[in-house]
Amino acid sequence: QVQLVESGGGLVQAGGSLRLSCAASGSIFGINAMGWYRQAPGKQRELVATITTGGSTNYADSVKGRFAISRDNAKNTMYLQMNTLKPEDTAVYYCAAEVATRQAMAVYYNYWGQGTQVTVSS
């Protein structure tokens, strides 16, 4: 079993900052790409940023220059530093990861966290 747990969400004023964390735990053999997604009320879930095992990153245009994704492979943890937040960043933020378990080391499955609410007030 693999669990992804997000933390760090909350209420912040426009222009402020938050740092999200995503900790993976369980019977983990390895983790490939990890990513952050978000879903605002009435909208589809969208990609925010992704990061490979080697540290290559990709960002949605809407967050480029404001958000920074990083990971600590030794701790199986990923972060999202969010700066200059805007009201339109308000959403539930989910982490996702491609994980291989010790029981099936050659197969990577996508796992999702339960989400953490980020609310940006104007």
Protein backbone atom coordinates (compact mmCIF):
# COMPACT_ATOMS: atom_id res chain seq x y z
CA GLN A 1 0.00 0.00 0.00
CA VAL A 2 1.11 3.51 -0.80
CA GLN A 3 -0.21 6.73 0.72
CA LEU A 4 0.32 10.29 -0.43
CA VAL A 5 -0.47 12.94 2.16
CA GLU A 6 -0.57 16.65 1.35
CA SER A 7 -0.13 19.41 3.91
CA GLY A 8 0.42 23.15 4.02
CA GLY A 9 -2.80 24.46 2.55
CA GLY A 10 -4.77 27.28 4.10
CA LEU A 11 -6.16 30.78 3.72
CA VAL A 12 -3.87 33.54 2.53
CA GLN A 13 -4.31 37.05 1.16
CA ALA A 14 -3.53 37.87 -2.44
CA GLY A 15 0.19 38.43 -2.87
CA GLY A 16 1.05 36.03 -0.09
CA SER A 17 2.86 32.71 -0.09
CA LEU A 18 2.23 29.11 0.91
CA ARG A 19 4.35 25.98 0.79
CA LEU A 20 2.66 22.66 0.15
CA SER A 21 4.22 19.31 1.00
CA CYS A 22 3.40 15.82 -0.23
CA ALA A 23 4.82 12.87 1.67
CA ALA A 24 4.71 9.38 0.17
CA SER A 25 4.78 6.41 2.50
CA GLY A 26 4.18 2.69 2.49
CA SER A 27 5.81 -0.21 0.72
CA ILE A 28 7.70 1.92 -1.79
CA PHE A 29 10.36 0.52 -4.10
CA GLY A 30 10.74 3.61 -6.25
CA ILE A 31 9.07 6.83 -7.39
CA ASN A 32 9.26 8.25 -10.89
CA ALA A 33 7.58 11.51 -11.81
CA MET A 34 5.62 13.47 -9.23
CA GLY A 35 3.26 16.34 -9.75
CA TRP A 36 0.82 18.84 -8.37
CA TYR A 37 -2.67 19.31 -9.76
CA ARG A 38 -5.53 21.53 -8.68
CA GLN A 39 -9.28 21.67 -9.05
CA ALA A 40 -11.30 24.81 -8.54
CA PRO A 41 -15.07 24.67 -7.89
CA GLY A 42 -16.95 23.90 -11.07
CA LYS A 43 -13.78 23.33 -13.06
CA GLN A 44 -11.82 20.31 -14.22
CA ARG A 45 -8.67 19.20 -12.49
CA GLU A 46 -5.63 20.80 -14.11
CA LEU A 47 -1.90 20.30 -14.07
CA VAL A 48 0.09 22.76 -11.98
CA ALA A 49 3.64 21.39 -12.12
CA THR A 50 5.56 18.16 -12.49
CA ILE A 51 9.06 17.03 -11.56
CA THR A 52 11.08 13.99 -12.60
CA THR A 53 13.38 11.92 -10.43
CA GLY A 54 16.30 13.86 -11.87
CA GLY A 55 14.73 17.21 -11.09
CA SER A 56 13.44 18.30 -14.49
CA THR A 57 10.38 20.47 -14.05
CA ASN A 58 7.36 21.55 -16.04
CA TYR A 59 4.82 24.25 -15.15
CA ALA A 60 1.43 25.42 -16.29
CA ASP A 61 1.69 28.83 -17.93
CA SER A 62 -0.55 30.33 -15.26
CA VAL A 63 1.96 29.62 -12.48
CA LYS A 64 5.30 30.07 -14.23
CA GLY A 65 7.53 32.48 -12.35
CA ARG A 66 5.38 32.28 -9.21
CA PHE A 67 5.43 28.61 -8.19
CA ALA A 68 8.41 26.31 -7.69
CA ILE A 69 8.22 22.53 -7.46
CA SER A 70 10.94 20.49 -5.76
CA ARG A 71 11.45 17.06 -4.23
CA ASP A 72 13.60 15.26 -1.71
CA ASN A 73 14.08 11.76 -3.08
CA ALA A 74 15.61 10.49 0.16
CA LYS A 75 12.45 11.48 2.04
CA ASN A 76 9.96 10.57 -0.73
CA THR A 77 8.60 14.08 -0.37
CA MET A 78 7.63 16.75 -2.87
CA TYR A 79 7.05 20.45 -2.30
CA LEU A 80 5.29 23.33 -4.02
CA GLN A 81 6.39 26.83 -3.08
CA MET A 82 3.64 29.22 -4.13
CA ASN A 83 4.44 32.93 -4.21
CA THR A 84 2.50 36.00 -5.31
CA LEU A 85 -0.73 34.07 -4.92
CA LYS A 86 -3.83 35.27 -6.74
CA PRO A 87 -7.53 34.65 -6.02
CA GLU A 88 -7.67 32.49 -9.15
CA ASP A 89 -5.18 30.09 -7.50
CA THR A 90 -7.95 29.10 -5.09
CA ALA A 91 -8.51 25.36 -5.45
CA VAL A 92 -8.01 21.97 -3.88
CA TYR A 93 -4.42 20.97 -4.61
CA TYR A 94 -3.61 17.31 -5.15
CA CYS A 95 -0.28 15.56 -5.37
CA ALA A 96 0.30 12.59 -7.62
CA ALA A 97 3.18 10.19 -8.08
CA GLU A 98 4.21 7.23 -10.20
CA VAL A 99 5.16 4.61 -7.62
CA ALA A 100 6.44 1.06 -7.75
CA THR A 101 5.86 -1.03 -4.64
CA ARG A 102 8.22 -3.63 -3.22
CA GLN A 103 5.62 -6.25 -4.15
CA ALA A 104 5.67 -5.27 -7.83
CA MET A 105 8.98 -3.53 -8.44
CA ALA A 106 8.75 -3.44 -12.23
CA VAL A 107 5.36 -1.77 -12.40
CA TYR A 108 4.68 1.90 -11.69
CA TYR A 109 1.13 2.97 -10.83
CA ASN A 110 -0.29 6.44 -10.38
CA TYR A 111 -1.26 7.33 -6.83
CA TRP A 112 -3.12 10.42 -5.63
CA GLY A 113 -3.37 12.24 -2.36
CA GLN A 114 -6.63 13.39 -0.78
CA GLY A 115 -5.99 17.06 -1.51
CA THR A 116 -5.42 20.21 0.50
CA GLN A 117 -7.47 23.38 0.21
CA VAL A 118 -5.78 26.61 -0.80
CA THR A 119 -7.90 29.76 -0.57
CA VAL A 120 -6.59 33.14 -1.69
CA SER A 121 -8.63 36.15 -0.64
CA SER A 122 -8.64 39.40 -2.60
